């Protein structure tokens, strides 16, 4: 079982997620999202690992199909276009702020780290789609708009993920008022990514 006190992670899921990540998973509390084909894909982690190391990433993406797609979307410049929209759209910024505050509240309910750092760049930057995808899948499509869009883009970009790794009824990019063409950045080669908040579990 997980080393985390109060964990509900089964031995089978613990072993599967460790295999998915290629290392022993630590601080696992629960499987927060399971794919339509039955694989654990998002794990809720304790804010402090068993050795005492702070671990602010509450929801951690483990399924390699989803982690690979998150990386592909990042390379395609999706974070850059999201960041630009965040600066221009007050409603989107408010949604992101609310998602940040909820993330902190959920984490602090387990243990406070004494910091307002959440994850993914929230509340004012878009730094890691892995975090936003994990958050959206764990809490559903109404929690964090940019995470919901990232999941939708993943399913649209790689259709075989729909119904296998991503719920078949997840909103589409068109449902959300966006598209692959709008989300991908044609100037992606000019980008450098800051991945400092994608913690190693």
N, C-alpha and C. Protein backbone atom coordinates (compact mmCIF):
# COMPACT_ATOMS: atom_id res chain seq x y z
N UNK A 1 0.83 -1.21 0.00
CA UNK A 1 0.00 0.00 0.00
C UNK A 1 0.86 1.25 0.00
N UNK A 2 0.23 2.40 -0.29
CA UNK A 2 0.92 3.68 -0.22
C UNK A 2 1.44 3.93 1.17
N UNK A 3 2.55 4.70 1.23
CA UNK A 3 3.10 5.08 2.52
C UNK A 3 2.28 6.15 3.20
N UNK A 4 1.38 6.80 2.48
CA UNK A 4 0.63 7.93 3.03
C UNK A 4 -0.44 7.46 4.01
N UNK A 5 -0.49 8.08 5.19
CA UNK A 5 -1.50 7.76 6.18
C UNK A 5 -2.89 8.06 5.61
N UNK A 6 -3.82 7.13 5.81
CA UNK A 6 -5.18 7.33 5.34
C UNK A 6 -5.37 7.06 3.87
N UNK A 7 -4.42 6.45 3.22
CA UNK A 7 -4.53 6.18 1.79
C UNK A 7 -5.61 5.15 1.50
N UNK A 8 -6.33 5.37 0.41
CA UNK A 8 -7.31 4.40 -0.06
C UNK A 8 -6.83 3.71 -1.34
N UNK A 9 -5.57 3.91 -1.70
CA UNK A 9 -5.02 3.33 -2.93
C UNK A 9 -4.77 1.84 -2.73
N UNK A 10 -5.33 1.03 -3.61
CA UNK A 10 -5.14 -0.42 -3.51
C UNK A 10 -3.72 -0.80 -3.91
N UNK A 11 -3.32 -1.99 -3.51
CA UNK A 11 -2.01 -2.49 -3.90
C UNK A 11 -1.87 -2.52 -5.42
N UNK A 12 -2.93 -2.96 -6.10
CA UNK A 12 -2.87 -3.06 -7.57
C UNK A 12 -2.69 -1.69 -8.20
N UNK A 13 -3.44 -0.68 -7.73
CA UNK A 13 -3.30 0.66 -8.29
C UNK A 13 -1.96 1.27 -7.93
N UNK A 14 -1.50 1.02 -6.74
CA UNK A 14 -0.19 1.51 -6.31
C UNK A 14 0.90 0.97 -7.24
N UNK A 15 0.83 -0.31 -7.53
CA UNK A 15 1.82 -0.92 -8.42
C UNK A 15 1.68 -0.40 -9.84
N UNK A 16 0.44 -0.23 -10.31
CA UNK A 16 0.21 0.27 -11.67
C UNK A 16 0.75 1.68 -11.83
N UNK A 17 0.46 2.55 -10.88
CA UNK A 17 0.92 3.94 -10.99
C UNK A 17 2.44 4.04 -10.86
N UNK A 18 3.03 3.21 -10.03
CA UNK A 18 4.49 3.20 -9.93
C UNK A 18 5.10 2.75 -11.26
N UNK A 19 4.46 1.78 -11.89
CA UNK A 19 4.93 1.32 -13.20
C UNK A 19 4.72 2.40 -14.25
N UNK A 20 3.60 3.09 -14.21
CA UNK A 20 3.34 4.17 -15.16
C UNK A 20 4.42 5.25 -15.09
N UNK A 21 4.82 5.60 -13.88
CA UNK A 21 5.80 6.67 -13.67
C UNK A 21 7.23 6.19 -13.78
N UNK A 22 7.42 4.88 -13.71
CA UNK A 22 8.78 4.34 -13.78
C UNK A 22 9.55 4.50 -12.48
N UNK A 23 8.82 4.72 -11.39
CA UNK A 23 9.44 4.85 -10.07
C UNK A 23 8.37 4.62 -9.01
N UNK A 24 8.80 4.34 -7.81
CA UNK A 24 7.87 4.12 -6.71
C UNK A 24 7.11 5.41 -6.42
N UNK A 25 5.80 5.31 -6.42
CA UNK A 25 4.99 6.48 -6.14
C UNK A 25 4.98 6.73 -4.63
N UNK A 26 5.00 7.99 -4.25
CA UNK A 26 5.06 8.34 -2.83
C UNK A 26 3.93 9.30 -2.47
N UNK A 27 3.47 9.19 -1.26
CA UNK A 27 2.47 10.12 -0.75
C UNK A 27 1.08 9.97 -1.34
N UNK A 28 0.79 8.84 -1.97
CA UNK A 28 -0.51 8.66 -2.63
C UNK A 28 -1.63 8.55 -1.60
N UNK A 29 -2.69 9.32 -1.79
CA UNK A 29 -3.86 9.29 -0.91
C UNK A 29 -5.02 8.55 -1.56
N UNK A 30 -5.29 8.87 -2.82
CA UNK A 30 -6.40 8.23 -3.52
C UNK A 30 -6.20 8.33 -5.02
N UNK A 31 -6.86 7.45 -5.75
CA UNK A 31 -6.96 7.59 -7.20
C UNK A 31 -8.12 8.55 -7.46
N UNK A 32 -7.81 9.72 -7.99
CA UNK A 32 -8.82 10.76 -8.18
C UNK A 32 -9.48 10.71 -9.55
N UNK A 33 -8.87 10.01 -10.48
CA UNK A 33 -9.48 9.83 -11.80
C UNK A 33 -9.01 8.51 -12.36
N UNK A 34 -9.98 7.75 -12.86
CA UNK A 34 -9.70 6.48 -13.52
C UNK A 34 -10.22 6.59 -14.95
N UNK A 35 -9.45 6.12 -15.90
CA UNK A 35 -9.82 6.24 -17.31
C UNK A 35 -11.01 5.35 -17.64
N UNK A 36 -11.71 5.63 -18.75
CA UNK A 36 -12.82 4.77 -19.16
C UNK A 36 -12.40 3.31 -19.34
N UNK A 37 -11.14 3.07 -19.70
CA UNK A 37 -10.70 1.68 -19.85
C UNK A 37 -10.12 1.10 -18.55
N UNK A 38 -10.31 1.81 -17.44
CA UNK A 38 -10.04 1.24 -16.13
C UNK A 38 -8.71 1.52 -15.47
N UNK A 39 -7.85 2.29 -16.11
CA UNK A 39 -6.52 2.54 -15.54
C UNK A 39 -6.55 3.72 -14.58
N UNK A 40 -5.83 3.64 -13.46
CA UNK A 40 -5.65 4.83 -12.64
C UNK A 40 -4.86 5.86 -13.44
N UNK A 41 -5.28 7.12 -13.39
CA UNK A 41 -4.63 8.12 -14.24
C UNK A 41 -4.26 9.40 -13.52
N UNK A 42 -4.96 9.71 -12.43
CA UNK A 42 -4.63 10.88 -11.61
C UNK A 42 -4.63 10.44 -10.15
N UNK A 43 -3.55 10.75 -9.46
CA UNK A 43 -3.45 10.41 -8.04
C UNK A 43 -3.46 11.69 -7.22
N UNK A 44 -4.22 11.66 -6.12
CA UNK A 44 -4.16 12.75 -5.15
C UNK A 44 -3.01 12.45 -4.20
N UNK A 45 -2.14 13.43 -4.01
CA UNK A 45 -0.95 13.21 -3.18
C UNK A 45 -0.97 14.07 -1.93
N UNK A 46 -0.33 13.57 -0.90
CA UNK A 46 -0.22 14.32 0.34
C UNK A 46 0.65 15.56 0.12
N UNK A 47 0.33 16.67 0.78
CA UNK A 47 1.13 17.89 0.62
C UNK A 47 2.56 17.74 1.13
N UNK A 48 2.78 16.72 1.93
CA UNK A 48 4.13 16.45 2.42
C UNK A 48 4.41 14.97 2.23
N UNK A 49 5.50 14.64 1.55
CA UNK A 49 5.84 13.25 1.29
C UNK A 49 6.29 12.56 2.58
N UNK A 50 6.35 11.22 2.57
CA UNK A 50 6.71 10.51 3.80
C UNK A 50 8.04 10.93 4.41
N UNK A 51 8.98 11.42 3.59
CA UNK A 51 10.26 11.85 4.14
C UNK A 51 10.23 13.31 4.61
N UNK A 52 9.05 13.94 4.55
CA UNK A 52 8.91 15.31 5.01
C UNK A 52 9.05 16.37 3.94
N UNK A 53 9.37 15.96 2.72
CA UNK A 53 9.53 16.91 1.62
C UNK A 53 8.19 17.52 1.22
N UNK A 54 8.08 18.85 1.16
CA UNK A 54 6.83 19.46 0.69
C UNK A 54 6.54 19.05 -0.76
N UNK A 55 5.28 18.75 -1.05
CA UNK A 55 4.89 18.36 -2.40
C UNK A 55 3.58 19.06 -2.73
N UNK A 56 3.67 20.26 -3.31
CA UNK A 56 2.46 21.08 -3.49
C UNK A 56 1.50 20.60 -4.58
N UNK A 57 1.94 19.68 -5.45
CA UNK A 57 1.07 19.23 -6.53
C UNK A 57 0.04 18.25 -6.00
N UNK A 58 -1.18 18.71 -5.81
CA UNK A 58 -2.24 17.89 -5.21
C UNK A 58 -2.67 16.76 -6.13
N UNK A 59 -2.89 17.06 -7.40
CA UNK A 59 -3.32 16.06 -8.38
C UNK A 59 -2.20 15.82 -9.37
N UNK A 60 -1.78 14.58 -9.47
CA UNK A 60 -0.61 14.24 -10.28
C UNK A 60 -1.02 13.29 -11.39
N UNK A 61 -0.69 13.65 -12.62
CA UNK A 61 -1.05 12.86 -13.80
C UNK A 61 -0.09 11.69 -13.95
N UNK A 62 -0.62 10.46 -14.04
CA UNK A 62 0.24 9.28 -14.11
C UNK A 62 0.13 8.49 -15.40
N UNK A 63 -1.02 8.50 -16.05
CA UNK A 63 -1.21 7.67 -17.24
C UNK A 63 -0.31 8.16 -18.37
N UNK A 64 0.57 7.31 -18.90
CA UNK A 64 1.53 7.76 -19.91
C UNK A 64 0.88 8.25 -21.20
N UNK A 65 -0.31 7.79 -21.52
CA UNK A 65 -1.00 8.31 -22.70
C UNK A 65 -1.33 9.78 -22.51
N UNK A 66 -1.74 10.13 -21.31
CA UNK A 66 -2.12 11.51 -21.02
C UNK A 66 -0.92 12.40 -20.79
N UNK A 67 0.11 11.88 -20.13
CA UNK A 67 1.31 12.70 -19.92
C UNK A 67 1.98 13.00 -21.26
N UNK A 68 1.99 12.01 -22.16
CA UNK A 68 2.59 12.24 -23.48
C UNK A 68 1.80 13.28 -24.26
N UNK A 69 0.48 13.20 -24.19
CA UNK A 69 -0.34 14.16 -24.93
C UNK A 69 -0.22 15.56 -24.33
N UNK A 70 -0.13 15.66 -23.02
CA UNK A 70 0.09 16.96 -22.39
C UNK A 70 1.38 17.58 -22.89
N UNK A 71 2.42 16.77 -23.01
CA UNK A 71 3.70 17.27 -23.52
C UNK A 71 3.57 17.72 -24.97
N UNK A 72 2.82 16.97 -25.78
CA UNK A 72 2.64 17.35 -27.18
C UNK A 72 1.92 18.69 -27.28
N UNK A 73 0.90 18.89 -26.46
CA UNK A 73 0.19 20.16 -26.48
C UNK A 73 1.09 21.31 -26.04
N UNK A 74 1.94 21.06 -25.06
CA UNK A 74 2.87 22.10 -24.63
C UNK A 74 3.83 22.47 -25.75
N UNK A 75 4.36 21.46 -26.42
CA UNK A 75 5.30 21.71 -27.52
C UNK A 75 4.61 22.47 -28.66
N UNK A 76 3.31 22.23 -28.83
CA UNK A 76 2.55 22.91 -29.89
C UNK A 76 2.21 24.36 -29.54
N UNK A 77 2.56 24.79 -28.34
CA UNK A 77 2.37 26.19 -27.98
C UNK A 77 1.05 26.52 -27.32
N UNK A 78 0.33 25.50 -26.84
CA UNK A 78 -0.98 25.74 -26.24
C UNK A 78 -0.86 26.63 -25.00
N UNK A 79 0.19 26.47 -24.22
CA UNK A 79 0.33 27.31 -23.03
C UNK A 79 0.47 28.78 -23.39
N UNK A 80 1.13 29.04 -24.49
CA UNK A 80 1.33 30.44 -24.91
C UNK A 80 0.00 31.09 -25.30
N UNK A 81 -0.82 30.37 -26.05
CA UNK A 81 -2.10 30.96 -26.45
C UNK A 81 -3.03 31.10 -25.25
N UNK A 82 -2.98 30.14 -24.33
CA UNK A 82 -3.78 30.26 -23.11
C UNK A 82 -3.33 31.45 -22.27
N UNK A 83 -2.02 31.64 -22.17
CA UNK A 83 -1.49 32.76 -21.39
C UNK A 83 -1.95 34.09 -21.98
N UNK A 84 -1.94 34.19 -23.30
CA UNK A 84 -2.38 35.42 -23.96
C UNK A 84 -3.86 35.69 -23.66
N UNK A 85 -4.68 34.65 -23.71
CA UNK A 85 -6.10 34.81 -23.41
C UNK A 85 -6.33 35.19 -21.96
N UNK A 86 -5.53 34.63 -21.08
CA UNK A 86 -5.67 34.92 -19.65
C UNK A 86 -5.46 36.40 -19.37
N UNK A 87 -4.57 37.02 -20.13
CA UNK A 87 -4.31 38.46 -19.95
C UNK A 87 -5.45 39.31 -20.48
N UNK A 88 -6.19 38.79 -21.45
CA UNK A 88 -7.18 39.59 -22.17
C UNK A 88 -8.62 39.34 -21.73
N UNK A 89 -8.89 38.22 -21.09
CA UNK A 89 -10.26 37.79 -20.79
C UNK A 89 -10.47 37.80 -19.28
N UNK A 90 -11.22 38.78 -18.80
CA UNK A 90 -11.42 38.92 -17.35
C UNK A 90 -12.19 37.74 -16.76
N UNK A 91 -13.16 37.22 -17.50
CA UNK A 91 -13.92 36.08 -17.00
C UNK A 91 -13.04 34.84 -16.88
N UNK A 92 -12.18 34.63 -17.86
CA UNK A 92 -11.26 33.50 -17.81
C UNK A 92 -10.29 33.65 -16.64
N UNK A 93 -9.80 34.86 -16.44
CA UNK A 93 -8.89 35.12 -15.32
C UNK A 93 -9.58 34.87 -13.99
N UNK A 94 -10.85 35.25 -13.88
CA UNK A 94 -11.60 35.02 -12.65
C UNK A 94 -11.80 33.53 -12.40
N UNK A 95 -12.08 32.78 -13.45
CA UNK A 95 -12.22 31.33 -13.33
C UNK A 95 -10.91 30.70 -12.85
N UNK A 96 -9.80 31.17 -13.39
CA UNK A 96 -8.49 30.64 -13.03
C UNK A 96 -8.16 30.97 -11.57
N UNK A 97 -8.51 32.18 -11.14
CA UNK A 97 -8.30 32.57 -9.75
C UNK A 97 -9.13 31.69 -8.81
N UNK A 98 -10.39 31.45 -9.17
CA UNK A 98 -11.25 30.61 -8.35
C UNK A 98 -10.73 29.18 -8.29
N UNK A 99 -10.22 28.69 -9.41
CA UNK A 99 -9.65 27.34 -9.44
C UNK A 99 -8.42 27.25 -8.54
N UNK A 100 -7.61 28.29 -8.57
CA UNK A 100 -6.43 28.37 -7.70
C UNK A 100 -6.84 28.32 -6.23
N UNK A 101 -7.84 29.10 -5.86
CA UNK A 101 -8.27 29.16 -4.47
C UNK A 101 -8.85 27.82 -4.02
N UNK A 102 -9.60 27.17 -4.90
CA UNK A 102 -10.16 25.86 -4.56
C UNK A 102 -9.05 24.82 -4.39
N UNK A 103 -8.07 24.86 -5.26
CA UNK A 103 -6.94 23.93 -5.19
C UNK A 103 -6.24 24.07 -3.84
N UNK A 104 -5.99 25.32 -3.43
CA UNK A 104 -5.34 25.56 -2.14
C UNK A 104 -6.21 25.05 -1.00
N UNK A 105 -7.52 25.29 -1.07
CA UNK A 105 -8.41 24.86 0.00
C UNK A 105 -8.43 23.34 0.13
N UNK A 106 -8.45 22.66 -1.01
CA UNK A 106 -8.44 21.20 -0.99
C UNK A 106 -7.14 20.67 -0.40
N UNK A 107 -6.03 21.28 -0.79
CA UNK A 107 -4.74 20.83 -0.26
C UNK A 107 -4.60 21.15 1.22
N UNK A 108 -5.01 22.36 1.60
CA UNK A 108 -4.89 22.76 3.00
C UNK A 108 -5.78 21.94 3.91
N UNK A 109 -6.86 21.38 3.37
CA UNK A 109 -7.73 20.52 4.17
C UNK A 109 -7.00 19.25 4.59
N UNK A 110 -5.97 18.89 3.83
CA UNK A 110 -5.15 17.72 4.18
C UNK A 110 -4.02 18.16 5.11
N UNK A 111 -3.27 19.15 4.65
CA UNK A 111 -2.19 19.74 5.46
C UNK A 111 -1.76 21.05 4.81
N UNK A 112 -1.67 22.09 5.59
CA UNK A 112 -1.22 23.37 5.05
C UNK A 112 0.30 23.38 4.93
N UNK A 113 0.77 23.85 3.77
CA UNK A 113 2.21 24.01 3.57
C UNK A 113 2.66 25.44 3.88
N UNK A 114 1.71 26.29 4.26
CA UNK A 114 2.05 27.67 4.58
C UNK A 114 2.45 28.48 3.38
N UNK A 115 1.92 28.12 2.21
CA UNK A 115 2.25 28.82 0.97
C UNK A 115 0.99 28.97 0.13
N UNK A 116 0.95 30.01 -0.71
CA UNK A 116 -0.18 30.16 -1.63
C UNK A 116 0.18 29.68 -3.03
N UNK A 117 1.30 28.95 -3.15
CA UNK A 117 1.65 28.31 -4.43
C UNK A 117 0.73 27.12 -4.63
N UNK A 118 0.08 27.05 -5.79
CA UNK A 118 -0.79 25.90 -6.05
C UNK A 118 -0.14 24.99 -7.09
N UNK A 119 -0.37 25.26 -8.37
CA UNK A 119 0.23 24.42 -9.40
C UNK A 119 -0.19 24.89 -10.78
N UNK A 120 0.56 24.47 -11.78
CA UNK A 120 0.22 24.79 -13.16
C UNK A 120 0.41 26.24 -13.55
N UNK A 121 0.92 27.05 -12.60
CA UNK A 121 1.07 28.48 -12.85
C UNK A 121 -0.04 29.32 -12.27
N UNK A 122 -1.10 28.66 -11.76
CA UNK A 122 -2.21 29.42 -11.19
C UNK A 122 -1.71 30.36 -10.09
N UNK A 123 -2.32 31.55 -9.96
CA UNK A 123 -3.53 32.02 -10.64
C UNK A 123 -3.30 32.93 -11.84
N UNK A 124 -2.05 33.24 -12.19
CA UNK A 124 -1.86 34.24 -13.25
C UNK A 124 -0.97 33.80 -14.40
N UNK A 125 -0.48 32.56 -14.35
CA UNK A 125 0.35 32.06 -15.44
C UNK A 125 -0.10 30.66 -15.82
N UNK A 126 0.25 30.26 -17.05
CA UNK A 126 -0.02 28.90 -17.52
C UNK A 126 1.34 28.25 -17.75
N UNK A 127 1.74 27.38 -16.83
CA UNK A 127 3.10 26.84 -16.85
C UNK A 127 3.18 25.34 -17.06
N UNK A 128 2.09 24.61 -16.82
CA UNK A 128 2.18 23.15 -16.91
C UNK A 128 0.81 22.55 -17.21
N UNK A 129 0.64 22.03 -18.42
CA UNK A 129 -0.63 21.43 -18.79
C UNK A 129 -0.85 20.10 -18.09
N UNK A 130 0.22 19.42 -17.69
CA UNK A 130 0.06 18.17 -16.94
C UNK A 130 -0.75 18.43 -15.67
N UNK A 131 -0.41 19.50 -14.96
CA UNK A 131 -1.12 19.84 -13.73
C UNK A 131 -2.57 20.22 -14.02
N UNK A 132 -2.80 21.03 -15.05
CA UNK A 132 -4.16 21.48 -15.35
C UNK A 132 -5.04 20.34 -15.85
N UNK A 133 -4.48 19.44 -16.64
CA UNK A 133 -5.23 18.28 -17.11
C UNK A 133 -5.58 17.38 -15.93
N UNK A 134 -4.62 17.13 -15.06
CA UNK A 134 -4.89 16.29 -13.88
C UNK A 134 -5.99 16.90 -13.02
N UNK A 135 -5.93 18.21 -12.82
CA UNK A 135 -6.92 18.92 -12.00
C UNK A 135 -8.31 18.79 -12.61
N UNK A 136 -8.42 19.03 -13.90
CA UNK A 136 -9.71 18.96 -14.58
C UNK A 136 -10.29 17.55 -14.55
N UNK A 137 -9.47 16.56 -14.81
CA UNK A 137 -9.96 15.18 -14.81
C UNK A 137 -10.37 14.75 -13.41
N UNK A 138 -9.63 15.19 -12.40
CA UNK A 138 -9.95 14.80 -11.03
C UNK A 138 -11.25 15.41 -10.54
N UNK A 139 -11.53 16.65 -10.95
CA UNK A 139 -12.67 17.37 -10.38
C UNK A 139 -13.80 17.63 -11.37
N UNK A 140 -13.61 17.25 -12.63
CA UNK A 140 -14.68 17.40 -13.60
C UNK A 140 -14.55 18.66 -14.44
N UNK A 141 -15.31 18.73 -15.53
CA UNK A 141 -15.13 19.80 -16.52
C UNK A 141 -15.61 21.18 -16.09
N UNK A 142 -16.19 21.31 -14.92
CA UNK A 142 -16.68 22.62 -14.48
C UNK A 142 -15.75 23.34 -13.51
N UNK A 143 -14.61 22.74 -13.18
CA UNK A 143 -13.77 23.30 -12.12
C UNK A 143 -12.76 24.33 -12.62
N UNK A 144 -12.00 23.99 -13.66
CA UNK A 144 -10.93 24.89 -14.13
C UNK A 144 -10.99 24.94 -15.65
N UNK A 145 -11.41 26.07 -16.19
CA UNK A 145 -11.71 26.18 -17.62
C UNK A 145 -10.51 25.80 -18.49
N UNK A 146 -9.33 26.30 -18.16
CA UNK A 146 -8.18 26.00 -19.02
C UNK A 146 -7.79 24.53 -18.95
N UNK A 147 -7.99 23.90 -17.82
CA UNK A 147 -7.75 22.46 -17.72
C UNK A 147 -8.76 21.69 -18.54
N UNK A 148 -10.02 22.11 -18.49
CA UNK A 148 -11.07 21.47 -19.28
C UNK A 148 -10.76 21.60 -20.76
N UNK A 149 -10.30 22.78 -21.18
CA UNK A 149 -9.93 22.97 -22.58
C UNK A 149 -8.75 22.08 -22.96
N UNK A 150 -7.77 21.96 -22.06
CA UNK A 150 -6.60 21.14 -22.37
C UNK A 150 -6.99 19.68 -22.57
N UNK A 151 -7.91 19.18 -21.74
CA UNK A 151 -8.39 17.81 -21.92
C UNK A 151 -9.12 17.68 -23.26
N UNK A 152 -9.96 18.66 -23.57
CA UNK A 152 -10.69 18.64 -24.84
C UNK A 152 -9.74 18.66 -26.03
N UNK A 153 -8.71 19.48 -25.95
CA UNK A 153 -7.72 19.55 -27.04
C UNK A 153 -6.96 18.24 -27.17
N UNK A 154 -6.67 17.60 -26.03
CA UNK A 154 -5.99 16.31 -26.08
C UNK A 154 -6.82 15.28 -26.83
N UNK A 155 -8.12 15.24 -26.53
CA UNK A 155 -9.00 14.28 -27.20
C UNK A 155 -9.16 14.60 -28.68
N UNK A 156 -9.19 15.89 -29.02
CA UNK A 156 -9.34 16.29 -30.43
C UNK A 156 -8.05 16.04 -31.21
N UNK A 157 -6.92 16.28 -30.57
CA UNK A 157 -5.64 16.11 -31.24
C UNK A 157 -5.29 14.65 -31.45
N UNK A 158 -5.67 13.80 -30.48
CA UNK A 158 -5.41 12.36 -30.57
C UNK A 158 -6.72 11.65 -30.28
N UNK A 159 -7.57 11.48 -31.31
CA UNK A 159 -8.93 10.97 -31.10
C UNK A 159 -9.02 9.62 -30.40
N UNK A 160 -7.99 8.79 -30.52
CA UNK A 160 -8.06 7.47 -29.88
C UNK A 160 -8.09 7.57 -28.35
N UNK A 161 -7.78 8.74 -27.81
CA UNK A 161 -7.84 8.92 -26.35
C UNK A 161 -9.29 9.03 -25.86
N UNK A 162 -10.19 9.48 -26.71
CA UNK A 162 -11.59 9.65 -26.32
C UNK A 162 -12.25 8.29 -26.12
N UNK A 163 -12.80 8.08 -24.94
CA UNK A 163 -13.44 6.82 -24.61
C UNK A 163 -12.49 5.77 -24.08
N UNK A 164 -11.20 6.06 -24.12
CA UNK A 164 -10.21 5.13 -23.56
C UNK A 164 -9.49 5.77 -22.37
N UNK A 165 -8.83 6.91 -22.62
CA UNK A 165 -8.13 7.62 -21.55
C UNK A 165 -8.91 8.84 -21.07
N UNK A 166 -9.80 9.36 -21.91
CA UNK A 166 -10.60 10.55 -21.61
C UNK A 166 -12.08 10.19 -21.78
N UNK A 167 -12.94 10.66 -20.88
CA UNK A 167 -14.37 10.34 -21.03
C UNK A 167 -14.91 10.73 -22.40
N UNK A 168 -15.68 9.84 -23.00
CA UNK A 168 -16.22 10.10 -24.34
C UNK A 168 -17.14 11.31 -24.36
N UNK A 169 -17.75 11.63 -23.22
CA UNK A 169 -18.69 12.75 -23.17
C UNK A 169 -18.04 14.05 -22.68
N UNK A 170 -16.71 14.08 -22.64
CA UNK A 170 -16.04 15.32 -22.24
C UNK A 170 -16.35 16.42 -23.27
N UNK A 171 -16.54 17.67 -22.84
CA UNK A 171 -16.81 18.73 -23.81
C UNK A 171 -15.74 18.80 -24.90
N UNK A 172 -16.15 19.11 -26.10
CA UNK A 172 -15.21 19.25 -27.21
C UNK A 172 -14.64 20.66 -27.24
N UNK A 173 -13.55 20.89 -27.97
CA UNK A 173 -13.06 22.26 -28.12
C UNK A 173 -14.15 23.20 -28.64
N UNK A 174 -14.95 22.71 -29.59
CA UNK A 174 -16.02 23.54 -30.15
C UNK A 174 -17.07 23.88 -29.09
N UNK A 175 -17.39 22.92 -28.23
CA UNK A 175 -18.31 23.19 -27.12
C UNK A 175 -17.80 24.33 -26.25
N UNK A 176 -16.48 24.42 -26.15
CA UNK A 176 -15.84 25.39 -25.27
C UNK A 176 -15.44 26.67 -25.99
N UNK A 177 -15.79 26.77 -27.27
CA UNK A 177 -15.51 27.99 -28.01
C UNK A 177 -14.09 28.12 -28.50
N UNK A 178 -13.39 26.99 -28.64
CA UNK A 178 -12.02 27.04 -29.14
C UNK A 178 -11.84 25.95 -30.20
N UNK A 179 -10.61 25.74 -30.62
CA UNK A 179 -10.30 24.73 -31.63
C UNK A 179 -8.81 24.44 -31.59
N UNK A 180 -8.43 23.34 -32.21
CA UNK A 180 -7.01 23.01 -32.33
C UNK A 180 -6.27 24.16 -33.01
N UNK A 181 -6.86 24.69 -34.08
CA UNK A 181 -6.19 25.75 -34.85
C UNK A 181 -5.99 27.00 -34.00
N UNK A 182 -6.99 27.35 -33.20
CA UNK A 182 -6.88 28.55 -32.36
C UNK A 182 -5.91 28.35 -31.21
N UNK A 183 -5.84 27.12 -30.70
CA UNK A 183 -5.03 26.86 -29.50
C UNK A 183 -3.56 26.67 -29.80
N UNK A 184 -3.24 26.17 -31.00
CA UNK A 184 -1.84 25.93 -31.33
C UNK A 184 -1.18 27.23 -31.75
N UNK A 185 0.06 27.42 -31.34
CA UNK A 185 0.79 28.66 -31.59
C UNK A 185 1.74 28.48 -32.77
N UNK A 186 1.50 29.24 -33.84
CA UNK A 186 2.35 29.11 -35.03
C UNK A 186 3.77 29.61 -34.78
N UNK A 187 3.97 30.36 -33.70
CA UNK A 187 5.30 30.87 -33.37
C UNK A 187 5.95 30.08 -32.24
N UNK A 188 5.58 28.80 -32.13
CA UNK A 188 6.04 27.99 -31.01
C UNK A 188 7.55 27.91 -30.90
N UNK A 189 8.29 28.00 -32.01
CA UNK A 189 9.74 27.88 -31.96
C UNK A 189 10.38 29.00 -31.17
N UNK A 190 9.65 30.09 -30.97
CA UNK A 190 10.20 31.21 -30.22
C UNK A 190 10.07 30.99 -28.71
N UNK A 191 9.37 29.93 -28.31
CA UNK A 191 9.06 29.74 -26.90
C UNK A 191 10.15 29.00 -26.15
N UNK A 192 10.23 29.31 -24.88
CA UNK A 192 10.93 28.45 -23.93
C UNK A 192 9.96 28.21 -22.79
N UNK A 193 9.96 27.00 -22.27
CA UNK A 193 8.99 26.64 -21.25
C UNK A 193 9.64 26.58 -19.88
N UNK A 194 8.94 27.10 -18.90
CA UNK A 194 9.34 26.98 -17.51
C UNK A 194 8.55 25.83 -16.91
N UNK A 195 9.22 24.70 -16.63
CA UNK A 195 8.54 23.53 -16.09
C UNK A 195 8.89 23.32 -14.62
N UNK A 196 9.30 24.40 -13.94
CA UNK A 196 9.81 24.26 -12.58
C UNK A 196 8.77 23.78 -11.59
N UNK A 197 7.47 23.96 -11.91
CA UNK A 197 6.48 23.56 -10.92
C UNK A 197 5.89 22.19 -11.20
N UNK A 198 6.45 21.45 -12.17
CA UNK A 198 6.01 20.07 -12.36
C UNK A 198 6.93 19.20 -11.50
N UNK A 199 6.52 18.96 -10.28
CA UNK A 199 7.37 18.33 -9.29
C UNK A 199 7.61 16.86 -9.64
N UNK A 200 8.75 16.36 -9.21
CA UNK A 200 9.08 14.95 -9.36
C UNK A 200 8.53 14.21 -8.15
N UNK A 201 7.61 13.30 -8.40
CA UNK A 201 6.95 12.63 -7.28
C UNK A 201 7.78 11.46 -6.76
